[in-house]
PDB file of N, CA and C in Angstrom:
ATOM      1  N   MET A   1      12.536  -6.405 -40.497  1.00  0.00           N
ATOM      2  CA  MET A   1      13.908  -6.644 -39.936  1.00  0.00           C
ATOM      3  C   MET A   1      14.215  -5.625 -38.815  1.00  0.00           C
ATOM      4  N   THR A   2      14.708  -6.105 -37.702  1.00  0.00           N
ATOM      5  CA  THR A   2      15.002  -5.252 -36.629  1.00  0.00           C
ATOM      6  C   THR A   2      16.259  -4.551 -36.752  1.00  0.00           C
ATOM      7  N   THR A   3      16.395  -3.271 -36.548  1.00  0.00           N
ATOM      8  CA  THR A   3      17.674  -2.488 -36.686  1.00  0.00           C
ATOM      9  C   THR A   3      18.394  -2.606 -35.348  1.00  0.00           C
ATOM     10  N   ALA A   4      19.700  -2.211 -35.434  1.00  0.00           N
ATOM     11  CA  ALA A   4      20.594  -2.183 -34.364  1.00  0.00           C
ATOM     12  C   ALA A   4      19.996  -1.373 -33.125  1.00  0.00           C
ATOM     13  N   VAL A   5      19.541  -0.232 -33.586  1.00  0.00           N
ATOM     14  CA  VAL A   5      18.937   0.830 -32.613  1.00  0.00           C
ATOM     15  C   VAL A   5      17.810   0.133 -31.901  1.00  0.00           C
ATOM     16  N   GLU A   6      16.891  -0.493 -32.694  1.00  0.00           N
ATOM     17  CA  GLU A   6      15.707  -1.200 -32.062  1.00  0.00           C
ATOM     18  C   GLU A   6      16.070  -2.135 -31.123  1.00  0.00           C
ATOM     19  N   SER A   7      17.082  -2.942 -31.471  1.00  0.00           N
ATOM     20  CA  SER A   7      17.476  -4.143 -30.528  1.00  0.00           C
ATOM     21  C   SER A   7      18.198  -3.430 -29.352  1.00  0.00           C
ATOM     22  N   GLU A   8      18.949  -2.405 -29.434  1.00  0.00           N
ATOM     23  CA  GLU A   8      19.522  -1.707 -28.325  1.00  0.00           C
ATOM     24  C   GLU A   8      18.469  -1.211 -27.330  1.00  0.00           C
ATOM     25  N   GLU A   9      17.412  -0.521 -27.964  1.00  0.00           N
ATOM     26  CA  GLU A   9      16.303  -0.085 -27.177  1.00  0.00           C
ATOM     27  C   GLU A   9      15.545  -1.177 -26.446  1.00  0.00           C
ATOM     28  N   ALA A  10      15.367  -2.227 -27.109  1.00  0.00           N
ATOM     29  CA  ALA A  10      14.676  -3.374 -26.432  1.00  0.00           C
ATOM     30  C   ALA A  10      15.440  -3.942 -25.297  1.00  0.00           C
ATOM     31  N   ALA A  11      16.844  -4.045 -25.422  1.00  0.00           N
ATOM     32  CA  ALA A  11      17.632  -4.476 -24.430  1.00  0.00           C
ATOM     33  C   ALA A  11      17.631  -3.616 -23.257  1.00  0.00           C
ATOM     34  N   SER A  12      17.660  -2.184 -23.552  1.00  0.00           N
ATOM     35  CA  SER A  12      17.631  -1.326 -22.516  1.00  0.00           C
ATOM     36  C   SER A  12      16.329  -1.335 -21.746  1.00  0.00           C
ATOM     37  N   SER A  13      15.217  -1.535 -22.383  1.00  0.00           N
ATOM     38  CA  SER A  13      13.940  -1.688 -21.771  1.00  0.00           C
ATOM     39  C   SER A  13      13.813  -2.832 -20.877  1.00  0.00           C
ATOM     40  N   LEU A  14      14.452  -4.009 -21.234  1.00  0.00           N
ATOM     41  CA  LEU A  14      14.495  -5.198 -20.517  1.00  0.00           C
ATOM     42  C   LEU A  14      15.315  -4.986 -19.272  1.00  0.00           C
ATOM     43  N   ALA A  15      16.519  -4.311 -19.357  1.00  0.00           N
ATOM     44  CA  ALA A  15      17.324  -4.002 -18.176  1.00  0.00           C
ATOM     45  C   ALA A  15      16.668  -3.074 -17.194  1.00  0.00           C
ATOM     46  N   GLU A  16      15.976  -2.198 -17.742  1.00  0.00           N
ATOM     47  CA  GLU A  16      15.261  -1.209 -16.852  1.00  0.00           C
ATOM     48  C   GLU A  16      14.160  -1.969 -16.032  1.00  0.00           C
ATOM     49  N   GLU A  17      13.482  -2.823 -16.664  1.00  0.00           N
ATOM     50  CA  GLU A  17      12.481  -3.670 -16.051  1.00  0.00           C
ATOM     51  C   GLU A  17      13.049  -4.516 -15.103  1.00  0.00           C
ATOM     52  N   ALA A  18      14.140  -5.150 -15.263  1.00  0.00           N
ATOM     53  CA  ALA A  18      14.914  -5.976 -14.216  1.00  0.00           C
ATOM     54  C   ALA A  18      15.266  -5.137 -13.097  1.00  0.00           C
ATOM     55  N   VAL A  19      15.703  -3.879 -13.238  1.00  0.00           N
ATOM     56  CA  VAL A  19      16.192  -2.995 -12.148  1.00  0.00           C
ATOM     57  C   VAL A  19      14.854  -2.750 -11.328  1.00  0.00           C
ATOM     58  N   ARG A  20      13.775  -2.338 -12.072  1.00  0.00           N
ATOM     59  CA  ARG A  20      12.466  -2.033 -11.366  1.00  0.00           C
ATOM     60  C   ARG A  20      12.048  -3.134 -10.517  1.00  0.00           C
ATOM     61  N   ARG A  21      12.143  -4.342 -10.959  1.00  0.00           N
ATOM     62  CA  ARG A  21      11.686  -5.518 -10.214  1.00  0.00           C
ATOM     63  C   ARG A  21      12.541  -5.686  -8.981  1.00  0.00           C
ATOM     64  N   ARG A  22      13.952  -5.567  -9.167  1.00  0.00           N
ATOM     65  CA  ARG A  22      14.770  -5.751  -8.011  1.00  0.00           C
ATOM     66  C   ARG A  22      14.522  -4.637  -6.917  1.00  0.00           C
ATOM     67  N   LEU A  23      14.296  -3.424  -7.378  1.00  0.00           N
ATOM     68  CA  LEU A  23      13.936  -2.343  -6.379  1.00  0.00           C
ATOM     69  C   LEU A  23      12.651  -2.676  -5.741  1.00  0.00           C
ATOM     70  N   ALA A  24      11.678  -3.218  -6.436  1.00  0.00           N
ATOM     71  CA  ALA A  24      10.318  -3.439  -5.886  1.00  0.00           C
ATOM     72  C   ALA A  24      10.563  -4.583  -4.774  1.00  0.00           C
ATOM     73  N   ALA A  25      11.393  -5.514  -5.040  1.00  0.00           N
ATOM     74  CA  ALA A  25      11.533  -6.530  -4.046  1.00  0.00           C
ATOM     75  C   ALA A  25      12.367  -6.155  -2.864  1.00  0.00           C
ATOM     76  N   SER A  26      13.106  -5.023  -2.980  1.00  0.00           N
ATOM     77  CA  SER A  26      13.866  -4.455  -1.850  1.00  0.00           C
ATOM     78  C   SER A  26      13.111  -3.566  -0.908  1.00  0.00           C
ATOM     79  N   ALA A  27      12.021  -3.068  -1.513  1.00  0.00           N
ATOM     80  CA  ALA A  27      11.165  -2.155  -0.615  1.00  0.00           C
ATOM     81  C   ALA A  27       9.937  -2.980   0.070  1.00  0.00           C
ATOM     82  N   LEU A  28       9.595  -2.600   1.212  1.00  0.00           N
ATOM     83  CA  LEU A  28       8.428  -3.158   1.738  1.00  0.00           C
ATOM     84  C   LEU A  28       7.235  -2.594   0.995  1.00  0.00           C
ATOM     85  N   PRO A  29       6.205  -3.475   0.882  1.00  0.00           N
ATOM     86  CA  PRO A  29       4.943  -2.880   0.140  1.00  0.00           C
ATOM     87  C   PRO A  29       4.255  -1.797   1.089  1.00  0.00           C
ATOM     88  N   LYS A  30       3.351  -1.141   0.445  1.00  0.00           N
ATOM     89  CA  LYS A  30       2.615  -0.050   1.115  1.00  0.00           C
ATOM     90  C   LYS A  30       1.602  -0.783   2.067  1.00  0.00           C
ATOM     91  N   ILE A  31       1.935  -0.877   3.281  1.00  0.00           N
ATOM     92  CA  ILE A  31       1.038  -1.344   4.292  1.00  0.00           C
ATOM     93  C   ILE A  31       0.916  -0.261   5.315  1.00  0.00           C
ATOM     94  N   GLY A  32       0.039  -0.469   6.375  1.00  0.00           N
ATOM     95  CA  GLY A  32      -0.116   0.569   7.347  1.00  0.00           C
ATOM     96  C   GLY A  32       1.061   0.771   8.265  1.00  0.00           C
ATOM     97  N   ALA A  33       1.058   1.938   8.789  1.00  0.00           N
ATOM     98  CA  ALA A  33       2.233   2.373   9.676  1.00  0.00           C
ATOM     99  C   ALA A  33       2.526   1.426  10.743  1.00  0.00           C
ATOM    100  N   PRO A  34       1.479   0.913  11.497  1.00  0.00           N
ATOM    101  CA  PRO A  34       1.781   0.003  12.658  1.00  0.00           C
ATOM    102  C   PRO A  34       2.428  -1.280  12.076  1.00  0.00           C
ATOM    103  N   ALA A  35       1.963  -1.859  10.950  1.00  0.00           N
ATOM    104  CA  ALA A  35       2.567  -3.056  10.495  1.00  0.00           C
ATOM    105  C   ALA A  35       3.980  -2.751   9.984  1.00  0.00           C
ATOM    106  N   THR A  36       4.229  -1.627   9.303  1.00  0.00           N
ATOM    107  CA  THR A  36       5.644  -1.233   8.917  1.00  0.00           C
ATOM    108  C   THR A  36       6.435  -1.160  10.090  1.00  0.00           C
ATOM    109  N   ARG A  37       6.025  -0.566  11.199  1.00  0.00           N
ATOM    110  CA  ARG A  37       6.846  -0.383  12.355  1.00  0.00           C
ATOM    111  C   ARG A  37       7.140  -1.724  12.955  1.00  0.00           C
ATOM    112  N   ALA A  38       6.125  -2.640  12.992  1.00  0.00           N
ATOM    113  CA  ALA A  38       6.296  -3.930  13.544  1.00  0.00           C
ATOM    114  C   ALA A  38       7.332  -4.730  12.651  1.00  0.00           C
ATOM    115  N   LEU A  39       7.313  -4.649  11.471  1.00  0.00           N
ATOM    116  CA  LEU A  39       8.276  -5.415  10.588  1.00  0.00           C
ATOM    117  C   LEU A  39       9.716  -4.753  10.826  1.00  0.00           C
ATOM    118  N   ASN A  40       9.892  -3.475  10.864  1.00  0.00           N
ATOM    119  CA  ASN A  40      11.146  -2.734  11.084  1.00  0.00           C
ATOM    120  C   ASN A  40      11.700  -3.104  12.489  1.00  0.00           C
ATOM    121  N   GLY A  41      10.857  -3.184  13.439  1.00  0.00           N
ATOM    122  CA  GLY A  41      11.198  -3.469  14.844  1.00  0.00           C
ATOM    123  C   GLY A  41      11.718  -4.994  14.963  1.00  0.00           C
ATOM    124  N   ALA A  42      11.199  -5.771  14.119  1.00  0.00           N
ATOM    125  CA  ALA A  42      11.622  -7.228  14.082  1.00  0.00           C
ATOM    126  C   ALA A  42      12.852  -7.357  13.192  1.00  0.00           C
ATOM    127  N   GLY A  43      13.251  -6.283  12.632  1.00  0.00           N
ATOM    128  CA  GLY A  43      14.524  -6.425  11.677  1.00  0.00           C
ATOM    129  C   GLY A  43      14.269  -6.681  10.225  1.00  0.00           C
ATOM    130  N   TYR A  44      12.945  -6.584   9.880  1.00  0.00           N
ATOM    131  CA  TYR A  44      12.644  -6.695   8.357  1.00  0.00           C
ATOM    132  C   TYR A  44      12.523  -5.344   7.718  1.00  0.00           C
ATOM    133  N   THR A  45      13.427  -5.000   6.702  1.00  0.00           N
ATOM    134  CA  THR A  45      13.339  -3.786   6.062  1.00  0.00           C
ATOM    135  C   THR A  45      13.205  -3.972   4.609  1.00  0.00           C
ATOM    136  N   SER A  46      13.066  -5.193   4.081  1.00  0.00           N
ATOM    137  CA  SER A  46      12.793  -5.384   2.689  1.00  0.00           C
ATOM    138  C   SER A  46      11.831  -6.528   2.452  1.00  0.00           C
ATOM    139  N   LEU A  47      11.211  -6.414   1.341  1.00  0.00           N
ATOM    140  CA  LEU A  47      10.231  -7.561   0.990  1.00  0.00           C
ATOM    141  C   LEU A  47      11.002  -8.924   0.900  1.00  0.00           C
ATOM    142  N   ARG A  48      12.050  -8.789   0.235  1.00  0.00           N
ATOM    143  CA  ARG A  48      12.922 -10.055  -0.020  1.00  0.00           C
ATOM    144  C   ARG A  48      13.122 -10.803   1.356  1.00  0.00           C
ATOM    145  N   GLN A  49      13.478 -10.027   2.437  1.00  0.00           N
ATOM    146  CA  GLN A  49      13.701 -10.667   3.726  1.00  0.00           C
ATOM    147  C   GLN A  49      12.524 -11.497   4.290  1.00  0.00           C
ATOM    148  N   LEU A  50      11.355 -11.142   3.852  1.00  0.00           N
ATOM    149  CA  LEU A  50      10.182 -11.720   4.333  1.00  0.00           C
ATOM    150  C   LEU A  50       9.983 -13.113   3.636  1.00  0.00           C
ATOM    151  N   ALA A  51      10.601 -13.414   2.602  1.00  0.00           N
ATOM    152  CA  ALA A  51      10.386 -14.664   1.837  1.00  0.00           C
ATOM    153  C   ALA A  51      10.802 -15.836   2.729  1.00  0.00           C
ATOM    154  N   GLY A  52       9.898 -16.771   2.945  1.00  0.00           N
ATOM    155  CA  GLY A  52      10.197 -18.032   3.721  1.00  0.00           C
ATOM    156  C   GLY A  52       9.948 -17.757   5.214  1.00  0.00           C
ATOM    157  N   VAL A  53       9.580 -16.617   5.664  1.00  0.00           N
ATOM    158  CA  VAL A  53       9.247 -16.370   7.096  1.00  0.00           C
ATOM    159  C   VAL A  53       7.865 -16.908   7.252  1.00  0.00           C
ATOM    160  N   PRO A  54       7.636 -17.680   8.290  1.00  0.00           N
ATOM    161  CA  PRO A  54       6.287 -18.237   8.576  1.00  0.00           C
ATOM    162  C   PRO A  54       5.223 -17.182   8.749  1.00  0.00           C
ATOM    163  N   ARG A  55       4.161 -17.311   8.118  1.00  0.00           N
ATOM    164  CA  ARG A  55       3.070 -16.340   8.255  1.00  0.00           C
ATOM    165  C   ARG A  55       2.641 -16.162   9.696  1.00  0.00           C
ATOM    166  N   ALA A  56       2.566 -17.290  10.506  1.00  0.00           N
ATOM    167  CA  ALA A  56       2.178 -17.319  11.891  1.00  0.00           C
ATOM    168  C   ALA A  56       3.202 -16.424  12.758  1.00  0.00           C
ATOM    169  N   GLU A  57       4.453 -16.481  12.327  1.00  0.00           N
ATOM    170  CA  GLU A  57       5.402 -15.669  12.924  1.00  0.00           C
ATOM    171  C   GLU A  57       5.117 -14.247  12.847  1.00  0.00           C
ATOM    172  N   LEU A  58       4.896 -13.790  11.554  1.00  0.00           N
ATOM    173  CA  LEU A  58       4.613 -12.394  11.270  1.00  0.00           C
ATOM    174  C   LEU A  58       3.226 -11.939  11.996  1.00  0.00           C
ATOM    175  N   ALA A  59       2.312 -12.810  11.990  1.00  0.00           N
ATOM    176  CA  ALA A  59       1.032 -12.568  12.584  1.00  0.00           C
ATOM    177  C   ALA A  59       1.131 -12.191  14.105  1.00  0.00           C
ATOM    178  N   LEU A  60       2.111 -12.765  14.709  1.00  0.00           N
ATOM    179  CA  LEU A  60       2.408 -12.466  16.147  1.00  0.00           C
ATOM    180  C   LEU A  60       2.933 -11.102  16.443  1.00  0.00           C
ATOM    181  N   LEU A  61       3.404 -10.351  15.535  1.00  0.00           N
ATOM    182  CA  LEU A  61       3.940  -8.971  15.661  1.00  0.00           C
ATOM    183  C   LEU A  61       2.819  -8.072  15.961  1.00  0.00           C
ATOM    184  N   HIS A  62       3.024  -7.293  17.027  1.00  0.00           N
ATOM    185  CA  HIS A  62       2.041  -6.302  17.341  1.00  0.00           C
ATOM    186  C   HIS A  62       1.925  -5.307  16.247  1.00  0.00           C
ATOM    187  N   GLY A  63       0.730  -5.103  15.712  1.00  0.00           N
ATOM    188  CA  GLY A  63       0.547  -4.208  14.665  1.00  0.00           C
ATOM    189  C   GLY A  63       0.353  -4.842  13.304  1.00  0.00           C
ATOM    190  N   MET A  64       0.621  -6.056  13.198  1.00  0.00           N
ATOM    191  CA  MET A  64       0.551  -6.839  11.896  1.00  0.00           C
ATOM    192  C   MET A  64      -0.829  -7.498  11.892  1.00  0.00           C
ATOM    193  N   GLY A  65      -1.668  -7.130  11.105  1.00  0.00           N
ATOM    194  CA  GLY A  65      -3.046  -7.689  10.918  1.00  0.00           C
ATOM    195  C   GLY A  65      -3.200  -8.511   9.606  1.00  0.00           C
ATOM    196  N   PRO A  66      -4.408  -9.075   9.437  1.00  0.00           N
ATOM    197  CA  PRO A  66      -4.616  -9.943   8.240  1.00  0.00           C
ATOM    198  C   PRO A  66      -4.472  -9.179   6.994  1.00  0.00           C
ATOM    199  N   LYS A  67      -4.875  -7.822   6.999  1.00  0.00           N
ATOM    200  CA  LYS A  67      -4.855  -7.067   5.684  1.00  0.00           C
ATOM    201  C   LYS A  67      -3.387  -6.900   5.279  1.00  0.00           C
ATOM    202  N   ALA A  68      -2.568  -6.489   6.219  1.00  0.00           N
ATOM    203  CA  ALA A  68      -1.063  -6.338   5.971  1.00  0.00           C
ATOM    204  C   ALA A  68      -0.506  -7.563   5.487  1.00  0.00           C
ATOM    205  N   LEU A  69      -0.867  -8.730   6.077  1.00  0.00           N
ATOM    206  CA  LEU A  69      -0.288  -9.976   5.644  1.00  0.00           C
ATOM    207  C   LEU A  69      -0.715 -10.358   4.270  1.00  0.00           C
ATOM    208  N   GLY A  70      -1.917 -10.036   3.946  1.00  0.00           N
ATOM    209  CA  GLY A  70      -2.478 -10.252   2.568  1.00  0.00           C
ATOM    210  C   GLY A  70      -1.643  -9.439   1.480  1.00  0.00           C
ATOM    211  N   ILE A  71      -1.475  -8.167   1.878  1.00  0.00           N
ATOM    212  CA  ILE A  71      -0.549  -7.326   0.957  1.00  0.00           C
ATOM    213  C   ILE A  71       0.775  -7.826   0.864  1.00  0.00           C
ATOM    214  N   ILE A  72       1.329  -8.251   1.843  1.00  0.00           N
ATOM    215  CA  ILE A  72       2.751  -8.862   1.799  1.00  0.00           C
ATOM    216  C   ILE A  72       2.765 -10.111   0.965  1.00  0.00           C
ATOM    217  N   GLU A  73       1.793 -10.954   1.169  1.00  0.00           N
ATOM    218  CA  GLU A  73       1.718 -12.242   0.351  1.00  0.00           C
ATOM    219  C   GLU A  73       1.540 -11.977  -1.143  1.00  0.00           C
ATOM    220  N   ALA A  74       0.663 -10.891  -1.405  1.00  0.00           N
ATOM    221  CA  ALA A  74       0.514 -10.551  -2.844  1.00  0.00           C
ATOM    222  C   ALA A  74       1.779  -9.997  -3.461  1.00  0.00           C
ATOM    223  N   ALA A  75       2.489  -9.152  -2.663  1.00  0.00           N
ATOM    224  CA  ALA A  75       3.661  -8.513  -3.192  1.00  0.00           C
ATOM    225  C   ALA A  75       4.792  -9.598  -3.403  1.00  0.00           C
ATOM    226  N   LEU A  76       4.898 -10.600  -2.441  1.00  0.00           N
ATOM    227  CA  LEU A  76       5.832 -11.620  -2.599  1.00  0.00           C
ATOM    228  C   LEU A  76       5.525 -12.442  -3.837  1.00  0.00           C
ATOM    229  N   ALA A  77       4.242 -12.749  -4.065  1.00  0.00           N
ATOM    230  CA  ALA A  77       3.850 -13.539  -5.228  1.00  0.00           C
ATOM    231  C   ALA A  77       4.179 -12.899  -6.604  1.00  0.00           C
ATOM    232  N   GLU A  78       4.139 -11.628  -6.579  1.00  0.00           N
ATOM    233  CA  GLU A  78       4.642 -10.948  -7.753  1.00  0.00           C
ATOM    234  C   GLU A  78       6.023 -11.131  -8.247  1.00  0.00           C
ATOM    235  N   HIS A  79       6.807 -11.491  -7.230  1.00  0.00           N
ATOM    236  CA  HIS A  79       8.204 -11.811  -7.385  1.00  0.00           C
ATOM    237  C   HIS A  79       8.507 -13.254  -7.368  1.00  0.00           C
ATOM    238  N   ARG A  80       7.506 -14.150  -7.396  1.00  0.00           N
ATOM    239  CA  ARG A  80       7.581 -15.557  -7.309  1.00  0.00           C
ATOM    240  C   ARG A  80       8.200 -16.081  -6.012  1.00  0.00           C
ATOM    241  N   LEU A  81       7.834 -15.330  -4.931  1.00  0.00           N
ATOM    242  CA  LEU A  81       8.287 -15.612  -3.579  1.00  0.00           C
ATOM    243  C   LEU A  81       7.083 -15.909  -2.720  1.00  0.00           C
ATOM    244  N   ARG A  82       7.243 -16.433  -1.578  1.00  0.00           N
ATOM    245  CA  ARG A  82       6.154 -16.675  -0.640  1.00  0.00           C
ATOM    246  C   ARG A  82       6.464 -16.663   0.824  1.00  0.00           C
ATOM    247  N   LEU A  83       5.627 -16.539   1.708  1.00  0.00           N
ATOM    248  CA  LEU A  83       5.902 -16.767   3.135  1.00  0.00           C
ATOM    249  C   LEU A  83       6.135 -18.203   3.390  1.00  0.00           C
ATOM    250  N   GLY A  84       6.858 -18.550   4.502  1.00  0.00           N
ATOM    251  CA  GLY A  84       7.110 -19.975   4.813  1.00  0.00           C
ATOM    252  C   GLY A  84       5.813 -20.654   5.365  1.00  0.00           C
TER     253      GLY A  84
END
């Protein structure tokens, strides 16, 4: 039988996980400095902002290479998001 304390701890743990996921979706993933500067220069400051953006559009940014695009796609997929 689950005690009230155990239920409360489980709920707290789930809430913390939800916050952690939201924060992860708000930060850009760890990519190289040139790619980060390219995204910031184009007005992208969070991972969530990249959802739906065409991959080809990002690839045109100076400093954005295939490795950075792959990292971005993987980070988006973790949040059930994707590029356009």
